[in-house]
């Protein structure tokens, strides 16, 4: 049986070039934001399932025995699929390969569910963070003056 590498999806993703192709992500959105969201989702889901840390933004009491690697893989997949809608095939293949390496059962299913939930909640929380704004920032003429 192949040993799961828990975070193989983001590592493999860098090798695939997802996000570097023109039009892979909406104009004006920086890849650094995407990877910050990705790693926040992975970290928060592992803390939710395995404990032992403080979440970046979200936490959820994961079911006892849920697999942190399944949770991380699902959070990784769903976060990147939302941020890079042009790459679902590559992402789906990477997730399937990661999950296939894990034994089927409630631990894997519960981990995937928590991963999907944390990813969706993180993306919702960051949806209106101003990252899609276009044009240069509006600067105030004087310190303390309203820029609008």
C-alpha atoms as a PDB file:
ATOM      1  CA  UNK A   1       0.000   0.000   0.000  1.00  0.00           C
ATOM      2  CA  UNK A   2       1.269   3.451  -0.924  1.00  0.00           C
ATOM      3  CA  UNK A   3       1.844   5.709   2.064  1.00  0.00           C
ATOM      4  CA  UNK A   4      -0.124   8.960   1.907  1.00  0.00           C
ATOM      5  CA  UNK A   5       2.021  12.064   1.784  1.00  0.00           C
ATOM      6  CA  UNK A   6      -0.650  14.311   3.361  1.00  0.00           C
ATOM      7  CA  UNK A   7       0.463  17.466   1.602  1.00  0.00           C
ATOM      8  CA  UNK A   8       1.411  15.967  -1.757  1.00  0.00           C
ATOM      9  CA  UNK A   9      -1.306  17.921  -3.514  1.00  0.00           C
ATOM     10  CA  UNK A  10       0.193  21.390  -2.955  1.00  0.00           C
ATOM     11  CA  UNK A  11       3.691  20.090  -3.621  1.00  0.00           C
ATOM     12  CA  UNK A  12       2.601  18.452  -6.882  1.00  0.00           C
ATOM     13  CA  UNK A  13       0.560  21.513  -7.743  1.00  0.00           C
ATOM     14  CA  UNK A  14       3.655  23.670  -7.898  1.00  0.00           C
ATOM     15  CA  UNK A  15       5.146  21.234 -10.393  1.00  0.00           C
ATOM     16  CA  UNK A  16       2.026  21.332 -12.554  1.00  0.00           C
ATOM     17  CA  UNK A  17       2.149  25.093 -13.036  1.00  0.00           C
ATOM     18  CA  UNK A  18      -1.484  25.586 -12.000  1.00  0.00           C
ATOM     19  CA  UNK A  19      -2.011  29.284 -11.512  1.00  0.00           C
ATOM     20  CA  UNK A  20       0.923  30.396 -13.625  1.00  0.00           C
ATOM     21  CA  UNK A  21      -0.846  30.230 -16.993  1.00  0.00           C
ATOM     22  CA  UNK A  22      -2.381  33.472 -18.259  1.00  0.00           C
ATOM     23  CA  UNK A  23      -6.052  33.611 -17.290  1.00  0.00           C
ATOM     24  CA  UNK A  24      -5.702  30.871 -14.676  1.00  0.00           C
ATOM     25  CA  UNK A  25      -6.986  33.246 -12.028  1.00  0.00           C
ATOM     26  CA  UNK A  26      -9.023  36.448 -12.255  1.00  0.00           C
ATOM     27  CA  UNK A  27      -6.982  39.481 -13.303  1.00  0.00           C
ATOM     28  CA  UNK A  28      -5.540  41.471 -10.440  1.00  0.00           C
ATOM     29  CA  UNK A  29      -5.502  38.567  -7.991  1.00  0.00           C
ATOM     30  CA  UNK A  30      -1.991  37.678  -6.941  1.00  0.00           C
ATOM     31  CA  UNK A  31      -0.810  34.063  -6.633  1.00  0.00           C
ATOM     32  CA  UNK A  32       0.611  34.924  -3.208  1.00  0.00           C
ATOM     33  CA  UNK A  33      -2.961  35.453  -1.948  1.00  0.00           C
ATOM     34  CA  UNK A  34      -3.983  32.084  -3.359  1.00  0.00           C
ATOM     35  CA  UNK A  35      -1.179  30.264  -1.643  1.00  0.00           C
ATOM     36  CA  UNK A  36      -1.821  32.122   1.618  1.00  0.00           C
ATOM     37  CA  UNK A  37      -5.457  30.984   1.481  1.00  0.00           C
ATOM     38  CA  UNK A  38      -4.398  27.470   0.529  1.00  0.00           C
ATOM     39  CA  UNK A  39      -2.020  27.070   3.425  1.00  0.00           C
ATOM     40  CA  UNK A  40      -4.420  28.729   5.870  1.00  0.00           C
ATOM     41  CA  UNK A  41      -7.082  26.189   4.874  1.00  0.00           C
ATOM     42  CA  UNK A  42      -4.673  23.259   5.234  1.00  0.00           C
ATOM     43  CA  UNK A  43      -3.362  24.456   8.588  1.00  0.00           C
ATOM     44  CA  UNK A  44      -6.823  25.209   9.987  1.00  0.00           C
ATOM     45  CA  UNK A  45      -8.196  21.840   8.927  1.00  0.00           C
ATOM     46  CA  UNK A  46      -5.295  19.897  10.405  1.00  0.00           C
ATOM     47  CA  UNK A  47      -5.643  21.827  13.680  1.00  0.00           C
ATOM     48  CA  UNK A  48      -9.385  21.100  13.605  1.00  0.00           C
ATOM     49  CA  UNK A  49      -8.870  17.379  13.138  1.00  0.00           C
ATOM     50  CA  UNK A  50      -5.615  16.699  14.976  1.00  0.00           C
ATOM     51  CA  UNK A  51      -5.599  19.527  17.520  1.00  0.00           C
ATOM     52  CA  UNK A  52      -2.419  20.883  18.995  1.00  0.00           C
ATOM     53  CA  UNK A  53      -2.461  24.423  17.664  1.00  0.00           C
ATOM     54  CA  UNK A  54      -4.373  27.615  17.169  1.00  0.00           C
ATOM     55  CA  UNK A  55      -6.189  28.079  13.853  1.00  0.00           C
ATOM     56  CA  UNK A  56      -5.349  30.952  11.509  1.00  0.00           C
ATOM     57  CA  UNK A  57      -8.998  31.856  11.006  1.00  0.00           C
ATOM     58  CA  UNK A  58     -11.388  28.929  11.453  1.00  0.00           C
ATOM     59  CA  UNK A  59     -11.712  25.800  13.477  1.00  0.00           C
ATOM     60  CA  UNK A  60     -14.212  23.035  13.722  1.00  0.00           C
ATOM     61  CA  UNK A  61     -14.287  20.127  16.094  1.00  0.00           C
ATOM     62  CA  UNK A  62     -13.528  17.302  13.706  1.00  0.00           C
ATOM     63  CA  UNK A  63     -14.999  13.861  14.345  1.00  0.00           C
ATOM     64  CA  UNK A  64     -12.851  11.670  16.551  1.00  0.00           C
ATOM     65  CA  UNK A  65     -10.551   9.578  14.392  1.00  0.00           C
ATOM     66  CA  UNK A  66     -10.898  11.720  11.238  1.00  0.00           C
ATOM     67  CA  UNK A  67      -7.784  11.537   9.067  1.00  0.00           C
ATOM     68  CA  UNK A  68      -5.858  14.826   8.994  1.00  0.00           C
ATOM     69  CA  UNK A  69      -4.264  13.903   5.656  1.00  0.00           C
ATOM     70  CA  UNK A  70      -7.686  13.351   4.054  1.00  0.00           C
ATOM     71  CA  UNK A  71      -8.861  16.653   5.537  1.00  0.00           C
ATOM     72  CA  UNK A  72      -5.785  18.480   4.240  1.00  0.00           C
ATOM     73  CA  UNK A  73      -6.130  16.977   0.761  1.00  0.00           C
ATOM     74  CA  UNK A  74      -9.822  17.942   0.536  1.00  0.00           C
ATOM     75  CA  UNK A  75      -9.194  21.471   1.840  1.00  0.00           C
ATOM     76  CA  UNK A  76      -6.321  21.840  -0.606  1.00  0.00           C
ATOM     77  CA  UNK A  77      -8.394  20.642  -3.550  1.00  0.00           C
ATOM     78  CA  UNK A  78     -11.489  22.702  -2.815  1.00  0.00           C
ATOM     79  CA  UNK A  79      -9.545  25.889  -2.086  1.00  0.00           C
ATOM     80  CA  UNK A  80      -7.519  25.672  -5.279  1.00  0.00           C
ATOM     81  CA  UNK A  81     -10.494  24.570  -7.405  1.00  0.00           C
ATOM     82  CA  UNK A  82     -12.334  27.728  -6.310  1.00  0.00           C
ATOM     83  CA  UNK A  83      -9.310  29.977  -6.892  1.00  0.00           C
ATOM     84  CA  UNK A  84      -8.234  28.380 -10.189  1.00  0.00           C
ATOM     85  CA  UNK A  85     -11.445  27.372 -11.960  1.00  0.00           C
ATOM     86  CA  UNK A  86      -9.530  26.566 -15.153  1.00  0.00           C
ATOM     87  CA  UNK A  87      -7.666  23.644 -13.560  1.00  0.00           C
ATOM     88  CA  UNK A  88     -10.303  21.208 -12.273  1.00  0.00           C
ATOM     89  CA  UNK A  89      -8.959  18.175 -14.132  1.00  0.00           C
ATOM     90  CA  UNK A  90      -5.458  18.424 -12.704  1.00  0.00           C
ATOM     91  CA  UNK A  91      -6.780  19.116  -9.215  1.00  0.00           C
ATOM     92  CA  UNK A  92      -9.306  16.279  -9.355  1.00  0.00           C
ATOM     93  CA  UNK A  93      -6.595  13.834 -10.466  1.00  0.00           C
ATOM     94  CA  UNK A  94      -4.252  14.908  -7.661  1.00  0.00           C
ATOM     95  CA  UNK A  95      -7.014  14.583  -5.053  1.00  0.00           C
ATOM     96  CA  UNK A  96      -8.069  11.171  -6.346  1.00  0.00           C
ATOM     97  CA  UNK A  97      -4.473   9.925  -6.213  1.00  0.00           C
ATOM     98  CA  UNK A  98      -4.054  11.229  -2.675  1.00  0.00           C
ATOM     99  CA  UNK A  99      -7.318   9.712  -1.412  1.00  0.00           C
ATOM    100  CA  UNK A 100      -6.723   6.379  -3.179  1.00  0.00           C
ATOM    101  CA  UNK A 101      -3.597   5.917  -1.076  1.00  0.00           C
ATOM    102  CA  UNK A 102      -5.720   5.994   2.103  1.00  0.00           C
ATOM    103  CA  UNK A 103      -7.859   3.123   3.335  1.00  0.00           C
ATOM    104  CA  UNK A 104     -11.583   3.645   2.805  1.00  0.00           C
ATOM    105  CA  UNK A 105     -13.747   4.126   5.854  1.00  0.00           C
ATOM    106  CA  UNK A 106     -15.230   6.673   8.227  1.00  0.00           C
ATOM    107  CA  UNK A 107     -11.853   8.216   9.113  1.00  0.00           C
ATOM    108  CA  UNK A 108     -11.205   9.155   5.495  1.00  0.00           C
ATOM    109  CA  UNK A 109     -14.816  10.223   4.853  1.00  0.00           C
ATOM    110  CA  UNK A 110     -14.898  12.364   8.009  1.00  0.00           C
ATOM    111  CA  UNK A 111     -11.562  13.964   7.141  1.00  0.00           C
ATOM    112  CA  UNK A 112     -12.755  14.849   3.645  1.00  0.00           C
ATOM    113  CA  UNK A 113     -15.962  16.370   5.023  1.00  0.00           C
ATOM    114  CA  UNK A 114     -14.096  18.582   7.503  1.00  0.00           C
ATOM    115  CA  UNK A 115     -11.630  19.625   4.780  1.00  0.00           C
ATOM    116  CA  UNK A 116     -14.420  20.600   2.421  1.00  0.00           C
ATOM    117  CA  UNK A 117     -16.233  22.529   5.150  1.00  0.00           C
ATOM    118  CA  UNK A 118     -13.196  24.504   6.307  1.00  0.00           C
ATOM    119  CA  UNK A 119     -12.242  25.354   2.703  1.00  0.00           C
ATOM    120  CA  UNK A 120     -15.764  26.609   1.931  1.00  0.00           C
ATOM    121  CA  UNK A 121     -15.913  28.664   5.123  1.00  0.00           C
ATOM    122  CA  UNK A 122     -12.464  30.177   4.538  1.00  0.00           C
ATOM    123  CA  UNK A 123     -13.305  31.130   0.962  1.00  0.00           C
ATOM    124  CA  UNK A 124     -16.581  32.708   2.117  1.00  0.00           C
ATOM    125  CA  UNK A 125     -14.803  34.650   4.865  1.00  0.00           C
ATOM    126  CA  UNK A 126     -12.267  36.033   2.366  1.00  0.00           C
ATOM    127  CA  UNK A 127     -14.662  36.601  -0.559  1.00  0.00           C
ATOM    128  CA  UNK A 128     -14.958  40.361  -0.040  1.00  0.00           C
ATOM    129  CA  UNK A 129     -11.420  41.083   1.123  1.00  0.00           C
ATOM    130  CA  UNK A 130     -10.763  43.621  -1.652  1.00  0.00           C
ATOM    131  CA  UNK A 131      -8.395  41.382  -3.618  1.00  0.00           C
ATOM    132  CA  UNK A 132     -10.522  41.674  -6.766  1.00  0.00           C
ATOM    133  CA  UNK A 133     -10.334  45.478  -6.811  1.00  0.00           C
ATOM    134  CA  UNK A 134      -9.010  46.958 -10.018  1.00  0.00           C
ATOM    135  CA  UNK A 135      -7.104  50.148 -10.621  1.00  0.00           C
ATOM    136  CA  UNK A 136      -4.604  51.925  -8.434  1.00  0.00           C
ATOM    137  CA  UNK A 137      -5.363  52.520  -4.768  1.00  0.00           C
ATOM    138  CA  UNK A 138      -6.997  55.847  -3.924  1.00  0.00           C
ATOM    139  CA  UNK A 139      -4.745  57.874  -1.668  1.00  0.00           C
ATOM    140  CA  UNK A 140      -5.820  60.638   0.701  1.00  0.00           C
ATOM    141  CA  UNK A 141      -4.336  64.073  -0.001  1.00  0.00           C
ATOM    142  CA  UNK A 142      -3.497  64.664   3.667  1.00  0.00           C
ATOM    143  CA  UNK A 143      -2.734  62.375   6.576  1.00  0.00           C
ATOM    144  CA  UNK A 144      -5.979  61.597   8.386  1.00  0.00           C
ATOM    145  CA  UNK A 145      -8.153  62.719   5.443  1.00  0.00           C
ATOM    146  CA  UNK A 146     -10.812  60.400   4.019  1.00  0.00           C
ATOM    147  CA  UNK A 147      -9.683  59.018   0.655  1.00  0.00           C
ATOM    148  CA  UNK A 148     -13.177  58.884  -0.851  1.00  0.00           C
END
